[in-house]
Amino acid sequence: MAEVQLQLRITADEEANTKENSTQQSNANNERRGSQSRNYKRWYRIVLYTIFVLCGQSIATILGRLYFDKGGTSKWLATLAQVGGFPVLLPLNCVFLCKTLTANNISDPNPPSFLKLLKLVYVPLGLLSAGSCFLYSVGLQYLPVSTVTIIIASQLAFNAFFSYFLNSQKFTPPIINSLVLLTVSSVLLVANNHSEKPAGVSKGEYAAGFVCTICGAAVYGLLLASQQLAFRKVLKKQTVKVVVDVIVYQSLVASIAIMVGLFGSGDWKGLKREMEEYEMGKISYVMTLLWTAIGWQVFATGTVGLIFEVSSLYSNAISTVGLPIVPVIAVFVFHDKMDGIKGMSIVLAVWGFISYAYQHYVDHQKSKMENKVASESSPDCSPGDQVNHANN
C-alpha cells in the first residue's frame, strides 16, 4: 500500500513539473511572438515615416520654388510657409492625448514640466528651425531648385559633425566615406556656380543664395542633432504624441519668430500687391503657400519620427535619398539644366547615402548577433528571461 502511494506521489510530481515546464515554454513563446510583433510594428512606422520624408520634402521644395518663380518675392512669407502649417497636426495631437503608441516601455516617474520643456526643448529648437528655414528661402529665391537640393545634401555631414559632440556618434569608415562624398558633391557645384543663374539674378545674389543654403544646411544639421539629444536627455519618451508635441511647439515658436521678422522688416506691406500680381492668380497664390506648408509638416512628421525610431543621422540620410527626385522634376517644371557636373553631384550624393545605409545595416546585423550570443550563453535563465534579455 505504501509503495502504491509513493508511486502516485511521484507521478503527481512529474505531472506538476511537466505542467510547469509547459507553462514556462508557453510564456516564452508568447513573449517571443510579442517581441516579433513589436519589431514588425516598429519597421512599419519607419517605412511610413520614410514615405512622409520623401514625399513631403519633394512636394514642398518644388512648390517653394514655384512661389518665387511665378512672382513671389517675400522671403519671410516663404519661410513662414515652411513652419506655419503645424495646425494641421492639432487633430492628431488630440487623438493621441490619452491613447499613445509606444515604441518601447520607457517610463519616467518624474516627467519634465511644460516650462522646462519650453525652455530646454521647444524654444531652442524653434529658433533653430526658423533660422534654417529662412536661409533655405534665400537659397530658393536666388538658386535653381535642383542646385538647392544638391547643396542640402551637405546637411548630412553637418549633422554627423554635431552628433559626434552631442550624441557620441561614432565615425566608421563607411560614414566617413559618405561625408566625403557629400562634401565633394557640393564642391562640384561651386565650380559650376555661375553657369545656370536664374533670369534676373545677379552674381552677388547667386553667391548669397549659395552661402545661405550652405549655412541653412549647417543649422538644420544642428537642429536634428539637438532633437535627438532632447529625446534622449529631456523628453525620455518615445511616443507618437511626443513626436507631435515637438513638431507643434517647435513650429509655433518658429512661426512667432518669423512673424516678428515679417512685420519688423515691413515685408508684410507688399503682400497684397504680390498676391494680385501673382502670375497664376490669387487662388493659386494661396494654394501654393497652403500646400507648401502642409508638405513641410508631412516632412517634419517623418523627420522627427525617424529621429526617435532610429537616429538623427539616419533621418537626415533618408532625406538625402530624395535628392534625385527634386532635380528630375525641376527639369520638367522649371526647365533647370541637368549638365554633367550636376549629374555627377547627384550620383555622389546618392552614393554617400548608400555608404551610410550600409553602415546602418552592418550595425543592425552586429546587434542581432550579439543579442543571440548573449541569449545562448545564459543557460541558467528561464526561457522567458532569455527572451527579455535578447530584446534588450
Protein backbone atom coordinates (compact mmCIF):
# COMPACT_ATOMS: atom_id res chain seq x y z
CA MET A 1 0.00 0.00 0.00
CA ALA A 2 2.81 2.39 0.88
CA GLU A 3 4.52 1.60 -2.41
CA VAL A 4 1.36 2.47 -4.35
CA GLN A 5 1.03 5.80 -2.52
CA LEU A 6 4.69 6.60 -3.20
CA GLN A 7 4.23 5.80 -6.88
CA LEU A 8 1.15 8.02 -7.08
CA ARG A 9 3.03 10.87 -5.39
CA ILE A 10 5.92 10.54 -7.86
CA THR A 11 3.51 10.51 -10.76
CA ALA A 12 1.74 13.63 -9.44
CA ASP A 13 5.07 15.43 -9.03
CA GLU A 14 6.09 14.53 -12.56
CA GLU A 15 2.77 15.82 -13.92
CA ALA A 16 3.17 19.04 -11.94
CA ASN A 17 6.71 19.54 -13.27
CA THR A 18 5.55 18.82 -16.81
CA LYS A 19 2.72 21.30 -16.45
CA GLU A 20 5.07 23.95 -15.03
CA ASN A 21 7.59 23.45 -17.86
CA SER A 22 4.77 23.62 -20.38
CA THR A 23 3.56 26.88 -18.84
CA GLN A 24 7.07 28.37 -18.93
CA GLN A 25 7.53 27.32 -22.54
CA SER A 26 4.15 28.80 -23.44
CA ASN A 27 5.05 32.09 -21.73
CA ALA A 28 8.38 32.16 -23.56
CA ASN A 29 6.65 31.58 -26.90
CA ASN A 30 4.12 34.33 -26.14
CA GLU A 31 6.89 36.75 -25.22
CA ARG A 32 8.80 35.84 -28.37
CA ARG A 33 5.73 36.43 -30.53
CA GLY A 34 5.08 39.72 -28.73
CA SER A 35 8.67 40.79 -29.36
CA GLN A 36 8.39 39.96 -33.05
CA SER A 37 5.10 41.84 -33.28
CA ARG A 38 6.66 44.95 -31.70
CA ASN A 39 9.61 44.69 -34.07
CA TYR A 40 7.33 44.49 -37.12
CA LYS A 41 5.30 47.49 -35.92
CA ARG A 42 8.49 49.47 -35.45
CA TRP A 43 9.57 48.77 -39.02
CA TYR A 44 6.11 49.68 -40.30
CA ARG A 45 6.49 53.05 -38.55
CA ILE A 46 9.97 53.52 -40.02
CA VAL A 47 8.66 52.83 -43.54
CA LEU A 48 5.73 55.21 -43.03
CA TYR A 49 7.98 57.98 -41.69
CA THR A 50 10.35 57.43 -44.63
CA ILE A 51 7.49 57.93 -47.11
CA PHE A 52 6.50 61.11 -45.27
CA VAL A 53 10.05 62.46 -45.55
CA LEU A 54 10.50 61.71 -49.25
CA CYS A 55 7.06 62.87 -50.42
CA GLY A 56 6.82 65.91 -48.14
CA GLN A 57 10.30 67.15 -48.99
CA SER A 58 9.89 66.78 -52.75
CA ILE A 59 6.46 68.42 -52.98
CA ALA A 60 7.25 71.26 -50.58
CA THR A 61 10.57 72.10 -52.26
CA ILE A 62 9.02 72.25 -55.73
CA LEU A 63 6.13 74.41 -54.51
CA GLY A 64 8.52 76.65 -52.60
CA ARG A 65 10.46 77.39 -55.78
CA LEU A 66 7.19 77.78 -57.73
CA TYR A 67 6.21 80.61 -55.37
CA PHE A 68 9.31 82.62 -56.32
CA ASP A 69 9.23 81.58 -59.97
CA LYS A 70 5.71 82.93 -60.51
CA GLY A 71 6.16 86.32 -58.88
CA GLY A 72 6.56 85.78 -55.13
CA THR A 73 9.24 87.93 -53.52
CA SER A 74 8.77 87.70 -49.74
CA LYS A 75 11.44 85.56 -48.13
CA TRP A 76 9.70 85.89 -44.76
CA LEU A 77 6.38 84.59 -46.12
CA ALA A 78 8.13 81.69 -47.85
CA THR A 79 9.85 80.92 -44.55
CA LEU A 80 6.56 81.05 -42.65
CA ALA A 81 5.08 78.55 -45.11
CA GLN A 82 7.77 76.05 -44.08
CA VAL A 83 6.74 76.00 -40.42
CA GLY A 84 3.29 77.61 -40.26
CA GLY A 85 1.33 74.52 -41.25
CA PHE A 86 1.51 72.94 -37.80
CA PRO A 87 -2.24 73.49 -37.04
CA VAL A 88 -2.99 70.58 -39.38
CA LEU A 89 -1.36 68.32 -36.78
CA LEU A 90 -3.54 69.51 -33.89
CA PRO A 91 -6.30 66.91 -34.52
CA LEU A 92 -3.62 64.20 -34.47
CA ASN A 93 -2.33 65.60 -31.20
CA CYS A 94 -5.81 65.34 -29.69
CA VAL A 95 -6.18 61.74 -30.87
CA PHE A 96 -3.01 60.70 -29.05
CA LEU A 97 -3.64 62.82 -25.97
CA CYS A 98 -4.86 59.86 -23.93
CA LYS A 99 -4.00 56.92 -26.16
CA THR A 100 -0.44 56.77 -27.41
CA LEU A 101 1.51 54.25 -29.42
CA THR A 102 4.71 53.48 -27.54
CA ALA A 103 7.87 52.45 -29.28
CA ASN A 104 9.24 50.91 -26.11
CA ASN A 105 8.40 50.74 -22.44
CA ILE A 106 10.46 53.67 -21.21
CA SER A 107 8.83 55.23 -18.17
CA ASP A 108 9.75 58.42 -16.37
CA PRO A 109 8.40 58.70 -12.81
CA ASN A 110 9.16 62.45 -12.83
CA PRO A 111 8.14 63.85 -16.22
CA PRO A 112 9.55 67.31 -17.02
CA SER A 113 7.24 70.28 -16.61
CA PHE A 114 5.96 72.20 -19.62
CA LEU A 115 8.01 75.24 -18.58
CA LYS A 116 11.16 73.12 -18.55
CA LEU A 117 10.33 71.66 -21.96
CA LEU A 118 9.62 75.13 -23.30
CA LYS A 119 12.97 76.45 -22.07
CA LEU A 120 15.17 73.46 -22.91
CA VAL A 121 13.47 71.97 -25.97
CA TYR A 122 10.76 73.93 -27.76
CA VAL A 123 12.29 77.43 -27.82
CA PRO A 124 15.84 76.41 -28.84
CA LEU A 125 14.56 74.00 -31.49
CA GLY A 126 12.04 76.55 -32.75
CA LEU A 127 14.68 79.26 -33.17
CA LEU A 128 17.00 76.84 -35.00
CA SER A 129 14.10 75.82 -37.25
CA ALA A 130 13.26 79.45 -38.05
CA GLY A 131 16.89 80.20 -38.88
CA SER A 132 17.38 77.21 -41.17
CA CYS A 133 14.07 77.83 -42.96
CA PHE A 134 14.90 81.49 -43.62
CA LEU A 135 18.31 80.60 -45.01
CA TYR A 136 16.74 77.97 -47.28
CA SER A 137 14.20 80.54 -48.51
CA VAL A 138 17.04 82.81 -49.60
CA GLY A 139 18.59 79.90 -51.46
CA LEU A 140 15.31 79.03 -53.20
CA GLN A 141 14.87 82.66 -54.30
CA TYR A 142 18.28 83.00 -55.94
CA LEU A 143 19.27 79.46 -56.97
CA PRO A 144 17.75 76.81 -59.25
CA VAL A 145 15.80 74.32 -57.16
CA SER A 146 17.96 71.45 -58.40
CA THR A 147 21.08 73.21 -57.12
CA VAL A 148 19.47 73.89 -53.75
CA THR A 149 18.51 70.25 -53.24
CA ILE A 150 22.02 69.01 -54.02
CA ILE A 151 23.59 71.53 -51.62
CA ILE A 152 21.13 70.42 -48.94
CA ALA A 153 22.82 67.01 -49.04
CA SER A 154 25.70 68.57 -47.09
CA GLN A 155 23.41 68.74 -44.05
CA LEU A 156 24.18 65.05 -43.50
CA ALA A 157 27.84 65.96 -42.98
CA PHE A 158 26.93 68.79 -40.60
CA ASN A 159 24.55 66.50 -38.74
CA ALA A 160 27.28 63.89 -38.30
CA PHE A 161 29.67 66.58 -37.04
CA PHE A 162 27.24 67.88 -34.41
CA SER A 163 26.06 64.38 -33.49
CA TYR A 164 29.66 63.45 -32.73
CA PHE A 165 29.71 66.04 -29.92
CA LEU A 166 26.07 65.96 -28.79
CA ASN A 167 25.14 62.29 -29.20
CA SER A 168 28.50 60.45 -29.25
CA GLN A 169 28.05 59.46 -32.89
CA LYS A 170 30.76 57.02 -33.99
CA PHE A 171 32.68 57.72 -37.19
CA THR A 172 33.25 54.44 -39.03
CA PRO A 173 34.89 54.15 -42.48
CA PRO A 174 31.53 53.94 -44.36
CA ILE A 175 30.23 57.03 -42.56
CA ILE A 176 33.44 58.96 -43.22
CA ASN A 177 33.21 57.87 -46.86
CA SER A 178 29.63 59.14 -47.10
CA LEU A 179 30.59 62.51 -45.58
CA VAL A 180 33.48 62.93 -48.00
CA LEU A 181 31.26 62.09 -50.98
CA LEU A 182 28.59 64.57 -49.91
CA THR A 183 31.21 67.28 -49.39
CA VAL A 184 32.70 66.68 -52.84
CA SER A 185 29.18 66.75 -54.28
CA SER A 186 28.68 70.31 -53.01
CA VAL A 187 32.18 71.41 -54.00
CA LEU A 188 31.48 70.39 -57.59
CA LEU A 189 28.56 72.79 -57.65
CA VAL A 190 30.83 75.62 -56.54
CA ALA A 191 32.97 75.00 -59.63
CA ASN A 192 29.83 75.25 -61.74
CA ASN A 193 28.13 78.02 -59.81
CA HIS A 194 27.60 80.70 -62.46
CA SER A 195 26.59 78.56 -65.41
CA GLU A 196 22.87 78.47 -64.70
CA LYS A 197 21.82 81.61 -62.83
CA PRO A 198 18.05 82.18 -62.95
CA ALA A 199 16.93 85.14 -65.02
CA GLY A 200 17.24 88.44 -63.19
CA VAL A 201 19.61 87.13 -60.52
CA SER A 202 22.95 88.90 -60.19
CA LYS A 203 26.24 87.24 -59.37
CA GLY A 204 26.11 88.71 -55.87
CA GLU A 205 22.60 87.37 -55.27
CA TYR A 206 23.60 83.98 -56.63
CA ALA A 207 26.61 83.87 -54.27
CA ALA A 208 24.41 84.95 -51.36
CA GLY A 209 21.94 82.19 -52.18
CA PHE A 210 24.73 79.62 -52.28
CA VAL A 211 26.22 80.73 -48.94
CA CYS A 212 22.80 80.91 -47.26
CA THR A 213 21.90 77.41 -48.43
CA ILE A 214 25.15 76.01 -47.03
CA CYS A 215 24.56 77.83 -43.74
CA GLY A 216 20.96 76.59 -43.72
CA ALA A 217 22.23 73.02 -44.11
CA ALA A 218 24.58 73.54 -41.16
CA VAL A 219 21.83 74.95 -38.93
CA TYR A 220 19.48 72.14 -39.93
CA GLY A 221 22.14 69.54 -39.12
CA LEU A 222 22.48 71.13 -35.66
CA LEU A 223 18.67 71.11 -35.31
CA LEU A 224 18.40 67.35 -35.95
CA ALA A 225 21.28 66.53 -33.60
CA SER A 226 19.66 68.73 -30.93
CA GLN A 227 16.32 66.98 -31.39
CA GLN A 228 17.94 63.60 -30.80
CA LEU A 229 19.66 64.98 -27.70
CA ALA A 230 16.32 66.32 -26.43
CA PHE A 231 14.62 62.94 -26.89
CA ARG A 232 17.45 61.18 -25.08
CA LYS A 233 18.11 63.57 -22.19
CA VAL A 234 14.94 65.60 -21.58
CA LEU A 235 11.82 64.02 -23.08
CA LYS A 236 12.82 60.40 -22.34
CA LYS A 237 9.68 59.11 -24.05
CA GLN A 238 9.20 57.62 -27.48
CA THR A 239 5.54 58.00 -28.34
CA VAL A 240 3.65 59.43 -31.29
CA LYS A 241 2.23 62.16 -29.06
CA VAL A 242 5.71 63.26 -28.03
CA VAL A 243 6.67 63.50 -31.71
CA VAL A 244 3.61 65.61 -32.50
CA ASP A 245 4.21 67.81 -29.44
CA VAL A 246 7.77 68.53 -30.52
CA ILE A 247 6.66 69.43 -34.05
CA VAL A 248 3.74 71.60 -32.93
CA TYR A 249 5.51 73.60 -30.22
CA GLN A 250 8.73 73.86 -32.19
CA SER A 251 6.80 75.15 -35.20
CA LEU A 252 4.81 77.54 -33.02
CA VAL A 253 7.97 79.12 -31.64
CA ALA A 254 9.49 79.28 -35.13
CA SER A 255 6.31 80.88 -36.53
CA ILE A 256 6.35 83.57 -33.84
CA ALA A 257 10.00 84.36 -34.58
CA ILE A 258 9.30 84.55 -38.32
CA MET A 259 6.23 86.75 -37.79
CA VAL A 260 8.42 89.17 -35.83
CA GLY A 261 10.79 89.28 -38.81
CA LEU A 262 7.90 89.66 -41.29
CA PHE A 263 6.39 92.67 -39.52
CA GLY A 264 9.68 94.10 -38.26
CA SER A 265 11.13 94.25 -41.79
CA GLY A 266 7.96 95.80 -43.24
CA ASP A 267 7.75 92.94 -45.71
CA TRP A 268 4.06 92.45 -44.93
CA LYS A 269 3.12 95.75 -46.60
CA GLY A 270 3.71 94.36 -50.09
CA LEU A 271 1.88 91.03 -49.66
CA LYS A 272 -1.47 92.28 -51.03
CA ARG A 273 0.10 93.63 -54.20
CA GLU A 274 2.21 90.49 -54.52
CA MET A 275 -0.92 88.32 -54.43
CA GLU A 276 -2.68 90.49 -57.01
CA GLU A 277 0.30 90.38 -59.39
CA TYR A 278 0.99 86.67 -58.98
CA GLU A 279 1.19 85.11 -62.45
CA MET A 280 -1.07 82.16 -61.66
CA GLY A 281 -3.78 84.20 -59.94
CA LYS A 282 -4.88 84.84 -56.35
CA ILE A 283 -6.31 81.38 -55.71
CA SER A 284 -3.15 79.68 -56.97
CA TYR A 285 -1.10 82.06 -54.81
CA VAL A 286 -2.94 80.95 -51.68
CA MET A 287 -2.99 77.27 -52.65
CA THR A 288 0.75 77.26 -53.42
CA LEU A 289 1.56 78.58 -49.94
CA LEU A 290 -1.03 76.31 -48.28
CA TRP A 291 0.23 73.08 -49.83
CA THR A 292 3.82 74.15 -49.26
CA ALA A 293 3.01 74.45 -45.56
CA ILE A 294 1.25 71.06 -45.48
CA GLY A 295 4.09 69.41 -47.38
CA TRP A 296 6.68 70.67 -44.90
CA GLN A 297 4.60 69.45 -41.96
CA VAL A 298 4.40 65.98 -43.52
CA PHE A 299 8.18 66.13 -43.92
CA ALA A 300 8.65 67.30 -40.32
CA THR A 301 6.48 64.47 -39.00
CA GLY A 302 8.55 61.90 -40.86
CA THR A 303 11.83 63.51 -39.82
CA VAL A 304 11.11 63.67 -36.10
CA GLY A 305 9.57 60.18 -36.21
CA LEU A 306 12.74 58.72 -37.70
CA ILE A 307 14.87 60.53 -35.14
CA PHE A 308 13.35 58.74 -32.16
CA GLU A 309 12.86 55.44 -34.00
CA VAL A 310 16.47 55.30 -35.24
CA SER A 311 18.70 58.41 -35.03
CA SER A 312 19.05 61.96 -36.32
CA LEU A 313 21.78 60.88 -38.73
CA TYR A 314 19.54 58.19 -40.19
CA SER A 315 16.68 60.67 -40.54
CA ASN A 316 18.97 63.05 -42.40
CA ALA A 317 20.28 60.27 -44.60
CA ILE A 318 16.74 59.32 -45.63
CA SER A 319 16.06 62.91 -46.72
CA THR A 320 19.18 62.62 -48.88
CA VAL A 321 17.53 59.77 -50.78
CA GLY A 322 15.04 62.29 -52.17
CA LEU A 323 17.81 64.24 -53.88
CA PRO A 324 17.36 62.71 -57.34
CA ILE A 325 13.59 63.26 -57.19
CA VAL A 326 13.51 67.07 -57.00
CA PRO A 327 16.13 67.82 -59.70
CA VAL A 328 14.38 65.49 -62.16
CA ILE A 329 11.02 67.17 -61.50
CA ALA A 330 12.67 70.60 -61.75
CA VAL A 331 13.91 69.81 -65.27
CA PHE A 332 10.30 69.50 -66.45
CA VAL A 333 8.63 72.13 -64.24
CA PHE A 334 11.24 74.92 -64.21
CA HIS A 335 13.39 73.80 -67.18
CA ASP A 336 16.51 73.60 -65.00
CA LYS A 337 19.62 72.44 -66.78
CA MET A 338 20.94 68.98 -65.97
CA ASP A 339 24.57 69.13 -67.06
CA GLY A 340 27.33 66.63 -66.39
CA ILE A 341 28.63 68.25 -63.21
CA LYS A 342 25.19 68.41 -61.63
CA GLY A 343 24.51 64.80 -62.62
CA MET A 344 27.82 63.76 -61.07
CA SER A 345 26.89 65.65 -57.89
CA ILE A 346 23.63 63.71 -57.66
CA VAL A 347 25.43 60.39 -58.15
CA LEU A 348 27.96 61.24 -55.43
CA ALA A 349 25.20 62.33 -53.05
CA VAL A 350 23.27 59.09 -53.55
CA TRP A 351 26.49 57.10 -53.23
CA GLY A 352 27.13 58.88 -49.92
CA PHE A 353 23.71 57.83 -48.66
CA ILE A 354 24.23 54.21 -49.72
CA SER A 355 27.52 54.20 -47.85
CA TYR A 356 25.79 55.37 -44.69
CA ALA A 357 22.89 52.93 -45.16
CA TYR A 358 25.41 50.08 -45.43
CA GLN A 359 26.91 51.07 -42.08
CA HIS A 360 23.44 51.09 -40.52
CA TYR A 361 22.82 47.59 -41.93
CA VAL A 362 26.14 46.34 -40.50
CA ASP A 363 25.32 47.79 -37.08
CA HIS A 364 21.89 46.16 -37.14
CA GLN A 365 23.29 42.72 -38.03
CA LYS A 366 26.01 43.04 -35.38
CA SER A 367 23.43 43.95 -32.75
CA LYS A 368 21.29 40.92 -33.66
CA MET A 369 24.30 38.59 -33.43
CA GLU A 370 25.35 40.00 -30.04
CA ASN A 371 21.83 39.55 -28.66
CA LYS A 372 21.72 35.97 -29.95
CA VAL A 373 25.07 35.10 -28.39
CA ALA A 374 24.08 36.72 -25.09
CA SER A 375 20.83 34.75 -25.05
CA GLU A 376 22.51 31.42 -25.80
CA SER A 377 25.22 32.00 -23.19
CA SER A 378 22.68 32.18 -20.34
CA PRO A 379 21.68 28.52 -19.73
CA ASP A 380 20.66 29.19 -16.15
CA CYS A 381 17.99 31.67 -17.17
CA SER A 382 14.44 30.64 -17.79
CA PRO A 383 13.17 30.81 -21.39
CA GLY A 384 11.18 33.95 -20.60
CA ASP A 385 14.29 35.63 -19.12
CA GLN A 386 16.28 34.75 -22.23
CA VAL A 387 13.68 36.31 -24.47
CA ASN A 388 13.67 39.50 -22.42
CA HIS A 389 17.46 39.62 -22.43
CA ALA A 390 17.52 39.25 -26.21
CA ASN A 391 15.03 42.06 -26.66
CA ASN A 392 17.19 44.38 -24.62
